[in-house]
Amino acid sequence: MKRSLTLIALSLFLLAGCQKGELLPTEIKVKAESVSGSRARFTVAPVNSRAYYSYVLVGSNDENFDKPAIDLCYDEIQRMEESMDYFDNGSFTDIFCYQGNRQLTMKTLASDKDYKFIVFQINPKTHEVIGEPVVSEFHTKPVAQRDLHFQVDFVGDELRITPSDDNLSYFWEYDEKEMIYDVYRSAYNYLYTLAGMYQEYGFMEYYYTTGPTVWFLSLEDNISDGTVYTLVIAGCEEGEFTTAPTIVTFRYHPDHIDVLEVTEGSESLN
């Protein structure tokens, strides 16, 4: 019995120590790994791996951009708390907080703009900010906008893309429409996500195209008769889009293609 009481007391002591470790102010190191026209990637490394932290991103167009960092953090915490009603599962810390070293990527940023990336330690119980927030200011790169448009034609099983300027690069991909909208929510976000991934891993240069493209759809292993696909094309340089997307929805048949919809710049989410 004495041994059991000793083990219980030791367990309670260790638990209290762990909980106390979550509340002690800790240094949080923040490093900007890369900044492009619409993306920024940061490494966040708290000295105490048990500490909980979160972040808020504000741009120069935000009316609160010049507010003190601590106020911006509490504004974000209030937004988090109000958003909890939309989640069926998970605690506040599960949904909104991090522990340990992380790489965090900010996406769909406006080009040529000032931003503040603010990381703050948070009390997991009271949601109060612990210590001083860490503020990293950065400026996104300008992204040139090109006068580039695309003519898309299907001849038999051939996909033909004809750009209006053979000297400008572009990026295109296609996949099943249902998958694109289920996973990525929009055709634009589908192409944007792929471009970011290819750029991050150094593959993007292999996916740029200039001049006309001819692609034989029947040579694809995973294409199916009667399935509806979405093709997305955009001017692209250094992993950033230089034009609005051209989106073509089509139904594939081995001997012909039914074009269902063509849009440039905006898209239907149906």
Protein backbone atom coordinates (compact mmCIF):
# COMPACT_ATOMS: atom_id res chain seq x y z
CA MET A 1 0.00 0.00 0.00
CA LYS A 2 2.85 2.36 0.90
CA ARG A 3 4.49 1.66 -2.46
CA SER A 4 1.23 2.43 -4.30
CA LEU A 5 0.84 5.74 -2.45
CA THR A 6 4.42 6.64 -3.32
CA LEU A 7 3.81 5.94 -7.02
CA ILE A 8 0.59 7.99 -6.97
CA ALA A 9 2.36 10.89 -5.32
CA LEU A 10 5.20 10.70 -7.84
CA SER A 11 2.75 10.62 -10.75
CA LEU A 12 0.92 13.68 -9.41
CA PHE A 13 4.24 15.48 -8.98
CA LEU A 14 5.29 14.72 -12.56
CA LEU A 15 1.87 15.74 -13.90
CA ALA A 16 2.05 19.03 -12.02
CA GLY A 17 5.54 19.57 -13.41
CA CYS A 18 4.34 18.97 -16.98
CA GLN A 19 1.41 21.32 -16.54
CA LYS A 20 3.66 23.98 -15.03
CA GLY A 21 6.01 23.61 -17.98
CA GLU A 22 3.17 24.53 -20.32
CA LEU A 23 2.65 27.82 -18.46
CA LEU A 24 6.21 29.03 -18.06
CA PRO A 25 7.20 31.80 -20.50
CA THR A 26 9.56 30.43 -23.13
CA GLU A 27 11.62 31.88 -25.95
CA ILE A 28 10.08 31.27 -29.36
CA LYS A 29 12.44 31.48 -32.30
CA VAL A 30 10.85 32.45 -35.61
CA LYS A 31 12.74 32.29 -38.90
CA ALA A 32 11.49 33.25 -42.36
CA GLU A 33 12.50 30.41 -44.68
CA SER A 34 11.08 31.87 -47.90
CA VAL A 35 8.89 34.70 -49.12
CA SER A 36 7.43 34.85 -52.64
CA GLY A 37 4.64 36.80 -54.29
CA SER A 38 1.78 34.94 -52.59
CA ARG A 39 3.43 32.64 -50.05
CA ALA A 40 5.65 32.87 -46.98
CA ARG A 41 7.08 29.95 -45.00
CA PHE A 42 8.34 30.23 -41.42
CA THR A 43 10.03 27.88 -38.99
CA VAL A 44 8.75 28.27 -35.43
CA ALA A 45 10.88 26.74 -32.67
CA PRO A 46 9.94 27.20 -28.98
CA VAL A 47 12.72 26.43 -26.52
CA ASN A 48 10.18 24.63 -24.32
CA SER A 49 8.58 21.95 -26.49
CA ARG A 50 5.60 21.66 -24.10
CA ALA A 51 4.58 25.28 -24.51
CA TYR A 52 1.42 25.96 -26.51
CA TYR A 53 1.49 28.69 -29.13
CA SER A 54 -0.51 30.06 -32.03
CA TYR A 55 -0.15 32.85 -34.57
CA VAL A 56 -1.96 35.65 -36.35
CA LEU A 57 -1.19 37.14 -39.76
CA VAL A 58 -2.15 40.72 -40.64
CA GLY A 59 -1.60 42.61 -43.88
CA SER A 60 -1.09 46.30 -44.54
CA ASN A 61 -4.62 46.51 -45.97
CA ASP A 62 -6.05 45.36 -42.62
CA GLU A 63 -7.48 48.28 -40.62
CA ASN A 64 -5.89 46.81 -37.48
CA PHE A 65 -2.40 46.52 -39.01
CA ASP A 66 -0.90 49.18 -36.73
CA LYS A 67 -2.50 47.95 -33.51
CA PRO A 68 -0.10 46.70 -30.78
CA ALA A 69 0.86 43.07 -31.31
CA ILE A 70 -0.65 41.98 -27.98
CA ASP A 71 -4.02 43.43 -29.01
CA LEU A 72 -3.89 41.61 -32.34
CA CYS A 73 -3.21 38.37 -30.46
CA TYR A 74 -6.23 38.84 -28.21
CA ASP A 75 -8.38 39.69 -31.23
CA GLU A 76 -7.28 36.40 -32.78
CA ILE A 77 -7.95 34.48 -29.56
CA GLN A 78 -11.47 35.92 -29.47
CA ARG A 79 -12.01 34.81 -33.07
CA MET A 80 -10.76 31.32 -32.16
CA GLU A 81 -13.10 31.07 -29.17
CA GLU A 82 -16.08 32.20 -31.24
CA SER A 83 -15.20 29.62 -33.90
CA MET A 84 -15.28 26.68 -31.47
CA ASP A 85 -19.04 26.26 -32.04
CA TYR A 86 -18.32 25.20 -35.64
CA PHE A 87 -16.22 22.20 -34.57
CA ASP A 88 -17.84 18.96 -33.49
CA ASN A 89 -14.65 17.40 -32.15
CA GLY A 90 -11.36 18.50 -30.65
CA SER A 91 -10.30 20.84 -27.87
CA PHE A 92 -9.25 24.47 -28.24
CA THR A 93 -5.59 23.49 -28.22
CA ASP A 94 -6.15 20.62 -30.66
CA ILE A 95 -7.73 22.95 -33.20
CA PHE A 96 -5.87 26.23 -32.83
CA CYS A 97 -2.55 25.62 -31.07
CA TYR A 98 0.84 24.05 -31.75
CA GLN A 99 3.61 22.50 -29.68
CA GLY A 100 7.22 21.87 -30.66
CA ASN A 101 8.99 22.91 -33.84
CA ARG A 102 6.80 23.58 -36.86
CA GLN A 103 7.03 24.92 -40.38
CA LEU A 104 4.02 27.11 -41.11
CA THR A 105 3.16 28.33 -44.61
CA MET A 106 1.04 31.39 -45.31
CA LYS A 107 -0.78 31.12 -48.65
CA THR A 108 -2.80 33.24 -51.09
CA LEU A 109 -1.14 36.43 -49.93
CA ALA A 110 -1.39 39.67 -51.91
CA SER A 111 1.75 40.46 -53.88
CA ASP A 112 3.97 43.47 -53.12
CA LYS A 113 2.42 44.00 -49.66
CA ASP A 114 3.63 44.38 -46.07
CA TYR A 115 2.63 41.71 -43.56
CA LYS A 116 3.16 40.89 -39.90
CA PHE A 117 3.45 37.26 -38.79
CA ILE A 118 2.91 37.25 -35.03
CA VAL A 119 3.56 34.16 -32.91
CA PHE A 120 2.36 34.09 -29.30
CA GLN A 121 2.51 31.63 -26.43
CA ILE A 122 -0.90 30.86 -24.96
CA ASN A 123 -2.22 29.50 -21.69
CA PRO A 124 -4.15 26.34 -22.70
CA LYS A 125 -6.68 26.78 -19.86
CA THR A 126 -7.36 30.52 -19.67
CA HIS A 127 -6.33 31.41 -23.24
CA GLU A 128 -4.25 34.31 -21.96
CA VAL A 129 -1.10 35.32 -23.80
CA ILE A 130 2.08 34.33 -21.97
CA GLY A 131 5.11 36.58 -22.39
CA GLU A 132 5.70 38.87 -25.36
CA PRO A 133 4.51 38.01 -28.88
CA VAL A 134 7.20 37.53 -31.54
CA VAL A 135 6.61 39.80 -34.54
CA SER A 136 8.15 39.05 -37.95
CA GLU A 137 7.55 41.68 -40.61
CA PHE A 138 7.93 40.81 -44.29
CA HIS A 139 7.06 42.12 -47.75
CA THR A 140 5.79 39.86 -50.51
CA LYS A 141 7.43 40.06 -53.91
CA PRO A 142 5.74 41.79 -56.86
CA VAL A 143 4.12 39.42 -59.36
CA ALA A 144 3.92 40.58 -62.96
CA GLN A 145 0.52 40.33 -64.63
CA ARG A 146 0.73 39.16 -68.24
CA ASP A 147 -1.58 39.68 -71.19
CA LEU A 148 -1.87 35.97 -71.90
CA HIS A 149 -4.98 34.02 -72.91
CA PHE A 150 -5.60 30.44 -73.92
CA GLN A 151 -7.61 28.76 -76.65
CA VAL A 152 -8.55 25.18 -75.73
CA ASP A 153 -9.70 22.73 -78.38
CA PHE A 154 -10.36 18.99 -78.45
CA VAL A 155 -9.92 16.98 -81.64
CA GLY A 156 -10.79 13.32 -81.15
CA ASP A 157 -8.86 12.41 -78.02
CA GLU A 158 -6.37 15.27 -78.41
CA LEU A 159 -6.21 18.21 -76.03
CA ARG A 160 -4.84 21.32 -77.73
CA ILE A 161 -3.84 24.46 -75.80
CA THR A 162 -2.90 27.51 -77.85
CA PRO A 163 -1.55 30.52 -75.89
CA SER A 164 -1.89 34.05 -77.24
CA ASP A 165 1.86 34.65 -76.68
CA ASP A 166 4.36 31.86 -77.38
CA ASN A 167 7.07 33.58 -75.34
CA LEU A 168 5.27 33.51 -71.98
CA SER A 169 5.27 30.46 -69.71
CA TYR A 170 2.17 28.80 -68.33
CA PHE A 171 1.19 25.86 -66.13
CA TRP A 172 -1.67 23.44 -66.65
CA GLU A 173 -3.11 20.32 -65.06
CA TYR A 174 -6.37 18.40 -65.07
CA ASP A 175 -8.08 15.82 -62.90
CA GLU A 176 -11.53 14.49 -62.10
CA LYS A 177 -13.86 17.39 -61.36
CA GLU A 178 -15.40 15.65 -58.34
CA MET A 179 -11.99 15.11 -56.74
CA ILE A 180 -10.85 18.69 -57.39
CA TYR A 181 -13.87 20.29 -55.75
CA ASP A 182 -14.10 17.76 -52.91
CA VAL A 183 -10.43 18.13 -51.94
CA TYR A 184 -9.42 21.62 -53.07
CA ARG A 185 -12.83 23.37 -53.12
CA SER A 186 -12.00 25.25 -56.33
CA ALA A 187 -10.11 24.72 -59.57
CA TYR A 188 -7.93 27.76 -58.82
CA ASN A 189 -6.89 26.37 -55.44
CA TYR A 190 -6.14 23.00 -57.05
CA LEU A 191 -3.66 24.53 -59.50
CA TYR A 192 -2.27 26.94 -56.88
CA THR A 193 -1.60 24.08 -54.45
CA LEU A 194 0.19 22.03 -57.10
CA ALA A 195 2.31 25.00 -58.17
CA GLY A 196 3.33 25.64 -54.55
CA MET A 197 4.25 22.01 -53.99
CA TYR A 198 6.27 21.75 -57.21
CA GLN A 199 8.02 25.05 -56.48
CA GLU A 200 8.90 24.00 -52.92
CA TYR A 201 10.46 20.72 -54.06
CA GLY A 202 12.25 22.21 -57.06
CA PHE A 203 10.13 20.53 -59.74
CA MET A 204 8.31 23.56 -61.10
CA GLU A 205 10.73 24.25 -63.94
CA TYR A 206 9.76 20.89 -65.48
CA TYR A 207 6.08 21.87 -65.57
CA TYR A 208 6.35 25.22 -67.32
CA THR A 209 5.11 25.26 -70.91
CA THR A 210 5.58 27.82 -73.67
CA GLY A 211 3.90 27.76 -77.05
CA PRO A 212 1.16 25.34 -78.16
CA THR A 213 0.52 22.07 -76.33
CA VAL A 214 -0.90 18.85 -77.79
CA TRP A 215 -1.74 16.08 -75.31
CA PHE A 216 -3.22 12.68 -76.14
CA LEU A 217 -5.72 11.94 -73.39
CA SER A 218 -6.17 8.32 -74.42
CA LEU A 219 -2.55 7.63 -73.41
CA GLU A 220 -3.33 8.41 -69.77
CA ASP A 221 -3.62 5.29 -67.62
CA ASN A 222 -6.26 6.63 -65.23
CA ILE A 223 -8.67 8.35 -67.61
CA SER A 224 -12.17 6.85 -67.82
CA ASP A 225 -14.91 6.91 -70.43
CA GLY A 226 -17.81 9.12 -69.36
CA THR A 227 -15.99 10.79 -66.47
CA VAL A 228 -16.11 14.58 -66.10
CA TYR A 229 -12.73 16.32 -65.77
CA THR A 230 -11.61 19.86 -65.05
CA LEU A 231 -8.64 21.39 -66.86
CA VAL A 232 -6.99 24.48 -65.32
CA ILE A 233 -4.46 26.72 -67.10
CA ALA A 234 -2.71 29.89 -65.90
CA GLY A 235 0.29 31.95 -66.83
CA CYS A 236 3.00 31.11 -64.32
CA GLU A 237 6.49 32.40 -63.46
CA GLU A 238 8.56 31.46 -60.40
CA GLY A 239 5.63 29.44 -59.09
CA GLU A 240 3.28 32.45 -59.13
CA PHE A 241 0.29 32.98 -61.39
CA THR A 242 0.63 35.83 -63.86
CA THR A 243 -2.90 35.49 -65.30
CA ALA A 244 -6.36 34.57 -64.18
CA PRO A 245 -7.04 30.84 -64.62
CA THR A 246 -8.78 29.41 -67.64
CA ILE A 247 -11.01 26.54 -66.53
CA VAL A 248 -12.44 23.95 -68.90
CA THR A 249 -14.87 21.26 -67.75
CA PHE A 250 -15.23 18.32 -70.13
CA ARG A 251 -16.56 14.77 -70.33
CA TYR A 252 -14.12 12.27 -71.78
CA HIS A 253 -14.95 9.64 -74.38
CA PRO A 254 -12.23 7.71 -76.24
CA ASP A 255 -13.30 9.04 -79.64
CA HIS A 256 -14.54 12.51 -78.72
CA ILE A 257 -14.70 15.07 -75.90
CA ASP A 258 -17.83 16.90 -74.73
CA VAL A 259 -16.93 20.42 -73.56
CA LEU A 260 -19.32 21.33 -70.75
CA GLU A 261 -18.10 24.73 -69.59
CA VAL A 262 -15.28 27.20 -70.24
CA THR A 263 -14.54 30.09 -67.87
CA GLU A 264 -11.73 32.58 -67.51
CA GLY A 265 -11.09 34.22 -64.17
CA SER A 266 -14.18 33.02 -62.28
CA GLU A 267 -15.65 29.60 -61.86
CA SER A 268 -18.80 27.74 -60.96
CA LEU A 269 -18.64 25.81 -57.68
CA ASN A 270 -21.46 23.46 -58.66
